[in-house]
Amino acid sequence: MNETVVPKVSLLWIKIFSVAIPLAVAVLLGLPYKLSLGNWVYELPHAIGVVNTLTSLALVGAFIAIKKQNVVLHRKLNSTAFILGALFLVLYVLYHASANSTPYGGEGSVRYLYYFLLVSHIVLSIGVVPLVLLAFYYALNGMIDRHKKIVKYTFPIWLYVSVTGVTVYLMISPYYAF
């Protein structure tokens, strides 16, 4: 392949993954039956909470590292956040494909706060996928100016998604059936 085809193919894959990931999650969550994987899946929400917490810490650490011009640490922490994001996705799908959704039991204004955080978390988690993929693509290909432009949006959205993931987990955790 020539040099102009490679970026086009890479960008095509980013578009495909940006649509395929949320679509696959929606299909798996919407299955009319649940997979029978055993009782261990009921521990997954806790693991997901830990993964989201670690992702948030990696993102904040990467931000601090780049502000201190430590590019090597910045790359390592962002790569860690990316891997944790992939792990989150696998755990999330496993849990929701094998366990019924847990209804939130809180009442009053806390209930509205929970649903606001949950809905904004879900919507932004879908939107952040192409941003993260593009940010990594630009960084890995030395397109630092483009990388800097897109991470102005990607970083706060990804951090919000990670932090609200932890918050939603903490809010619903008393209602999990074990």
C-alpha atoms as a PDB file:
ATOM      1  CA  MET A   1       0.000   0.000   0.000  1.00  0.00           C
ATOM      2  CA  ASN A   2       1.160   3.506  -0.655  1.00  0.00           C
ATOM      3  CA  GLU A   3       1.427   6.176   2.026  1.00  0.00           C
ATOM      4  CA  THR A   4      -1.938   7.809   1.260  1.00  0.00           C
ATOM      5  CA  VAL A   5      -3.860   4.516   1.426  1.00  0.00           C
ATOM      6  CA  VAL A   6      -2.634   3.540   4.906  1.00  0.00           C
ATOM      7  CA  PRO A   7      -4.169   6.581   6.656  1.00  0.00           C
ATOM      8  CA  LYS A   8      -7.436   6.107   4.747  1.00  0.00           C
ATOM      9  CA  VAL A   9      -7.598   2.443   5.773  1.00  0.00           C
ATOM     10  CA  SER A  10      -6.767   3.318   9.395  1.00  0.00           C
ATOM     11  CA  LEU A  11      -9.423   6.022   9.488  1.00  0.00           C
ATOM     12  CA  LEU A  12     -11.929   3.617   7.947  1.00  0.00           C
ATOM     13  CA  TRP A  13     -11.196   1.131  10.747  1.00  0.00           C
ATOM     14  CA  ILE A  14     -11.674   3.883  13.327  1.00  0.00           C
ATOM     15  CA  LYS A  15     -15.099   4.635  11.803  1.00  0.00           C
ATOM     16  CA  ILE A  16     -15.996   0.940  11.752  1.00  0.00           C
ATOM     17  CA  PHE A  17     -14.997   0.423  15.395  1.00  0.00           C
ATOM     18  CA  SER A  18     -16.756   3.646  16.438  1.00  0.00           C
ATOM     19  CA  VAL A  19     -20.031   2.246  15.124  1.00  0.00           C
ATOM     20  CA  ALA A  20     -19.446  -1.470  15.767  1.00  0.00           C
ATOM     21  CA  ILE A  21     -18.536  -1.189  19.465  1.00  0.00           C
ATOM     22  CA  PRO A  22     -21.711   0.590  20.646  1.00  0.00           C
ATOM     23  CA  LEU A  23     -23.837  -1.443  18.246  1.00  0.00           C
ATOM     24  CA  ALA A  24     -22.372  -4.752  19.483  1.00  0.00           C
ATOM     25  CA  VAL A  25     -22.899  -3.706  23.103  1.00  0.00           C
ATOM     26  CA  ALA A  26     -26.518  -2.731  22.384  1.00  0.00           C
ATOM     27  CA  VAL A  27     -27.198  -6.042  20.619  1.00  0.00           C
ATOM     28  CA  LEU A  28     -25.603  -8.090  23.388  1.00  0.00           C
ATOM     29  CA  LEU A  29     -27.492  -6.180  26.071  1.00  0.00           C
ATOM     30  CA  GLY A  30     -30.740  -6.579  24.184  1.00  0.00           C
ATOM     31  CA  LEU A  31     -30.575 -10.348  23.882  1.00  0.00           C
ATOM     32  CA  PRO A  32     -33.902 -11.911  24.908  1.00  0.00           C
ATOM     33  CA  TYR A  33     -32.058 -14.409  27.101  1.00  0.00           C
ATOM     34  CA  LYS A  34     -29.045 -14.253  29.395  1.00  0.00           C
ATOM     35  CA  LEU A  35     -25.935 -16.362  29.025  1.00  0.00           C
ATOM     36  CA  SER A  36     -25.379 -18.849  31.831  1.00  0.00           C
ATOM     37  CA  LEU A  37     -21.795 -18.200  32.914  1.00  0.00           C
ATOM     38  CA  GLY A  38     -22.083 -18.974  36.611  1.00  0.00           C
ATOM     39  CA  ASN A  39     -22.350 -16.935  39.786  1.00  0.00           C
ATOM     40  CA  TRP A  40     -18.890 -15.400  39.381  1.00  0.00           C
ATOM     41  CA  VAL A  41     -20.398 -12.806  37.021  1.00  0.00           C
ATOM     42  CA  TYR A  42     -22.058 -11.139  40.010  1.00  0.00           C
ATOM     43  CA  GLU A  43     -18.608 -10.047  41.145  1.00  0.00           C
ATOM     44  CA  LEU A  44     -17.978  -8.221  37.870  1.00  0.00           C
ATOM     45  CA  PRO A  45     -19.597  -4.901  38.870  1.00  0.00           C
ATOM     46  CA  HIS A  46     -16.932  -4.562  41.565  1.00  0.00           C
ATOM     47  CA  ALA A  47     -14.159  -5.303  39.065  1.00  0.00           C
ATOM     48  CA  ILE A  48     -15.713  -2.817  36.640  1.00  0.00           C
ATOM     49  CA  GLY A  49     -15.730  -0.178  39.385  1.00  0.00           C
ATOM     50  CA  VAL A  50     -12.036  -0.810  40.044  1.00  0.00           C
ATOM     51  CA  VAL A  51     -11.222  -0.674  36.316  1.00  0.00           C
ATOM     52  CA  ASN A  52     -13.067   2.657  35.956  1.00  0.00           C
ATOM     53  CA  THR A  53     -11.253   4.038  39.001  1.00  0.00           C
ATOM     54  CA  LEU A  54      -7.866   2.978  37.606  1.00  0.00           C
ATOM     55  CA  THR A  55      -8.775   4.475  34.215  1.00  0.00           C
ATOM     56  CA  SER A  56      -9.610   7.800  35.875  1.00  0.00           C
ATOM     57  CA  LEU A  57      -6.309   7.773  37.763  1.00  0.00           C
ATOM     58  CA  ALA A  58      -4.352   6.884  34.605  1.00  0.00           C
ATOM     59  CA  LEU A  59      -6.006   9.725  32.687  1.00  0.00           C
ATOM     60  CA  VAL A  60      -5.274  12.275  35.413  1.00  0.00           C
ATOM     61  CA  GLY A  61      -1.711  10.967  35.682  1.00  0.00           C
ATOM     62  CA  ALA A  62      -1.259  11.242  31.903  1.00  0.00           C
ATOM     63  CA  PHE A  63      -2.529  14.825  32.005  1.00  0.00           C
ATOM     64  CA  ILE A  64      -0.111  15.731  34.794  1.00  0.00           C
ATOM     65  CA  ALA A  65       2.745  13.965  32.994  1.00  0.00           C
ATOM     66  CA  ILE A  66       2.251  15.892  29.756  1.00  0.00           C
ATOM     67  CA  LYS A  67       1.944  19.186  31.652  1.00  0.00           C
ATOM     68  CA  LYS A  68       5.372  18.350  33.116  1.00  0.00           C
ATOM     69  CA  GLN A  69       6.544  17.482  29.575  1.00  0.00           C
ATOM     70  CA  ASN A  70       7.119  13.841  30.493  1.00  0.00           C
ATOM     71  CA  VAL A  71       6.011  12.375  27.161  1.00  0.00           C
ATOM     72  CA  VAL A  72       7.191   8.837  27.971  1.00  0.00           C
ATOM     73  CA  LEU A  73       5.088   8.632  31.146  1.00  0.00           C
ATOM     74  CA  HIS A  74       2.184  10.335  29.338  1.00  0.00           C
ATOM     75  CA  ARG A  75       2.242   7.622  26.661  1.00  0.00           C
ATOM     76  CA  LYS A  76       2.475   4.813  29.206  1.00  0.00           C
ATOM     77  CA  LEU A  77      -0.425   6.131  31.268  1.00  0.00           C
ATOM     78  CA  ASN A  78      -2.620   6.762  28.227  1.00  0.00           C
ATOM     79  CA  SER A  79      -1.825   3.289  26.924  1.00  0.00           C
ATOM     80  CA  THR A  80      -2.783   1.922  30.334  1.00  0.00           C
ATOM     81  CA  ALA A  81      -6.066   3.862  30.211  1.00  0.00           C
ATOM     82  CA  PHE A  82      -6.730   2.503  26.705  1.00  0.00           C
ATOM     83  CA  ILE A  83      -6.107  -1.101  27.800  1.00  0.00           C
ATOM     84  CA  LEU A  84      -8.271  -0.577  30.878  1.00  0.00           C
ATOM     85  CA  GLY A  85     -11.014   0.788  28.608  1.00  0.00           C
ATOM     86  CA  ALA A  86     -10.876  -2.385  26.526  1.00  0.00           C
ATOM     87  CA  LEU A  87     -10.945  -4.513  29.695  1.00  0.00           C
ATOM     88  CA  PHE A  88     -13.930  -2.520  30.956  1.00  0.00           C
ATOM     89  CA  LEU A  89     -15.778  -3.204  27.721  1.00  0.00           C
ATOM     90  CA  VAL A  90     -15.188  -6.960  27.954  1.00  0.00           C
ATOM     91  CA  LEU A  91     -16.247  -7.101  31.626  1.00  0.00           C
ATOM     92  CA  TYR A  92     -19.288  -4.895  31.018  1.00  0.00           C
ATOM     93  CA  VAL A  93     -20.514  -7.056  28.144  1.00  0.00           C
ATOM     94  CA  LEU A  94     -19.901 -10.276  30.102  1.00  0.00           C
ATOM     95  CA  TYR A  95     -21.861  -8.972  33.061  1.00  0.00           C
ATOM     96  CA  HIS A  96     -24.815  -7.537  31.160  1.00  0.00           C
ATOM     97  CA  ALA A  97     -25.017 -10.509  28.787  1.00  0.00           C
ATOM     98  CA  SER A  98     -25.288 -12.882  31.743  1.00  0.00           C
ATOM     99  CA  ALA A  99     -27.060 -10.969  34.529  1.00  0.00           C
ATOM    100  CA  ASN A 100     -30.266  -8.976  34.668  1.00  0.00           C
ATOM    101  CA  SER A 101     -29.914  -5.223  35.061  1.00  0.00           C
ATOM    102  CA  THR A 102     -30.095  -4.032  38.639  1.00  0.00           C
ATOM    103  CA  PRO A 103     -32.807  -1.449  39.251  1.00  0.00           C
ATOM    104  CA  TYR A 104     -31.761   1.632  41.175  1.00  0.00           C
ATOM    105  CA  GLY A 105     -33.461   1.721  44.567  1.00  0.00           C
ATOM    106  CA  GLY A 106     -32.776   5.294  45.630  1.00  0.00           C
ATOM    107  CA  GLU A 107     -35.589   7.794  46.028  1.00  0.00           C
ATOM    108  CA  GLY A 108     -36.143  11.516  45.739  1.00  0.00           C
ATOM    109  CA  SER A 109     -33.661  13.902  44.177  1.00  0.00           C
ATOM    110  CA  VAL A 110     -30.839  11.355  44.453  1.00  0.00           C
ATOM    111  CA  ARG A 111     -32.773   9.172  42.001  1.00  0.00           C
ATOM    112  CA  TYR A 112     -32.825  12.002  39.438  1.00  0.00           C
ATOM    113  CA  LEU A 113     -29.122  12.612  39.974  1.00  0.00           C
ATOM    114  CA  TYR A 114     -28.412   8.900  39.455  1.00  0.00           C
ATOM    115  CA  TYR A 115     -30.338   8.770  36.177  1.00  0.00           C
ATOM    116  CA  PHE A 116     -28.792  12.018  34.949  1.00  0.00           C
ATOM    117  CA  LEU A 117     -25.316  10.640  35.616  1.00  0.00           C
ATOM    118  CA  LEU A 118     -26.200   7.268  34.086  1.00  0.00           C
ATOM    119  CA  VAL A 119     -27.698   8.688  30.884  1.00  0.00           C
ATOM    120  CA  SER A 120     -24.928  11.258  30.390  1.00  0.00           C
ATOM    121  CA  HIS A 121     -22.355   8.516  31.077  1.00  0.00           C
ATOM    122  CA  ILE A 122     -23.883   6.212  28.460  1.00  0.00           C
ATOM    123  CA  VAL A 123     -24.316   8.897  25.787  1.00  0.00           C
ATOM    124  CA  LEU A 124     -20.818  10.301  26.240  1.00  0.00           C
ATOM    125  CA  SER A 125     -19.265   6.812  26.396  1.00  0.00           C
ATOM    126  CA  ILE A 126     -20.585   6.208  22.885  1.00  0.00           C
ATOM    127  CA  GLY A 127     -19.309   9.559  21.632  1.00  0.00           C
ATOM    128  CA  VAL A 128     -15.872   9.242  23.193  1.00  0.00           C
ATOM    129  CA  VAL A 129     -14.977   6.042  21.310  1.00  0.00           C
ATOM    130  CA  PRO A 130     -14.069   7.742  17.997  1.00  0.00           C
ATOM    131  CA  LEU A 131     -12.357  10.591  19.852  1.00  0.00           C
ATOM    132  CA  VAL A 132     -10.117   8.196  21.786  1.00  0.00           C
ATOM    133  CA  LEU A 133      -9.323   6.168  18.679  1.00  0.00           C
ATOM    134  CA  LEU A 134      -8.460   9.307  16.701  1.00  0.00           C
ATOM    135  CA  ALA A 135      -6.360  10.730  19.535  1.00  0.00           C
ATOM    136  CA  PHE A 136      -4.345   7.503  19.659  1.00  0.00           C
ATOM    137  CA  TYR A 137      -4.093   7.346  15.878  1.00  0.00           C
ATOM    138  CA  TYR A 138      -2.733  10.893  15.694  1.00  0.00           C
ATOM    139  CA  ALA A 139      -0.272  10.340  18.546  1.00  0.00           C
ATOM    140  CA  LEU A 140       1.008   7.027  17.187  1.00  0.00           C
ATOM    141  CA  ASN A 141       1.513   8.547  13.750  1.00  0.00           C
ATOM    142  CA  GLY A 142       3.345  11.633  14.994  1.00  0.00           C
ATOM    143  CA  MET A 143       0.492  14.031  14.136  1.00  0.00           C
ATOM    144  CA  ILE A 144       0.988  15.891  17.391  1.00  0.00           C
ATOM    145  CA  ASP A 145      -0.801  19.094  16.351  1.00  0.00           C
ATOM    146  CA  ARG A 146      -3.933  17.101  15.469  1.00  0.00           C
ATOM    147  CA  HIS A 147      -3.508  15.043  18.627  1.00  0.00           C
ATOM    148  CA  LYS A 148      -3.383  18.192  20.769  1.00  0.00           C
ATOM    149  CA  LYS A 149      -6.499  19.609  19.090  1.00  0.00           C
ATOM    150  CA  ILE A 150      -8.614  16.506  19.593  1.00  0.00           C
ATOM    151  CA  VAL A 151      -7.524  15.759  23.172  1.00  0.00           C
ATOM    152  CA  LYS A 152      -8.903  19.136  24.253  1.00  0.00           C
ATOM    153  CA  TYR A 153     -12.283  17.422  23.847  1.00  0.00           C
ATOM    154  CA  THR A 154     -11.320  13.782  24.305  1.00  0.00           C
ATOM    155  CA  PHE A 155      -9.641  14.094  27.711  1.00  0.00           C
ATOM    156  CA  PRO A 156     -12.474  15.818  29.618  1.00  0.00           C
ATOM    157  CA  ILE A 157     -15.136  13.591  28.048  1.00  0.00           C
ATOM    158  CA  TRP A 158     -13.176  10.382  28.696  1.00  0.00           C
ATOM    159  CA  LEU A 159     -12.436  11.493  32.263  1.00  0.00           C
ATOM    160  CA  TYR A 160     -16.110  12.363  32.818  1.00  0.00           C
ATOM    161  CA  VAL A 161     -17.159   8.944  31.503  1.00  0.00           C
ATOM    162  CA  SER A 162     -14.653   7.205  33.784  1.00  0.00           C
ATOM    163  CA  VAL A 163     -15.557   9.202  36.901  1.00  0.00           C
ATOM    164  CA  THR A 164     -19.312   8.932  36.332  1.00  0.00           C
ATOM    165  CA  GLY A 165     -18.844   5.192  35.797  1.00  0.00           C
ATOM    166  CA  VAL A 166     -17.369   4.964  39.292  1.00  0.00           C
ATOM    167  CA  THR A 167     -20.039   7.269  40.721  1.00  0.00           C
ATOM    168  CA  VAL A 168     -22.913   5.308  39.165  1.00  0.00           C
ATOM    169  CA  TYR A 169     -21.350   2.071  40.426  1.00  0.00           C
ATOM    170  CA  LEU A 170     -21.090   3.444  43.976  1.00  0.00           C
ATOM    171  CA  MET A 171     -24.675   4.702  43.849  1.00  0.00           C
ATOM    172  CA  ILE A 172     -26.142   1.396  42.636  1.00  0.00           C
ATOM    173  CA  SER A 173     -23.839  -1.010  44.487  1.00  0.00           C
ATOM    174  CA  PRO A 174     -26.106  -1.328  47.561  1.00  0.00           C
ATOM    175  CA  TYR A 175     -28.844  -2.693  45.282  1.00  0.00           C
ATOM    176  CA  TYR A 176     -26.874  -5.497  43.611  1.00  0.00           C
ATOM    177  CA  ALA A 177     -28.295  -8.939  44.340  1.00  0.00           C
ATOM    178  CA  PHE A 178     -25.491 -11.326  45.279  1.00  0.00           C
END
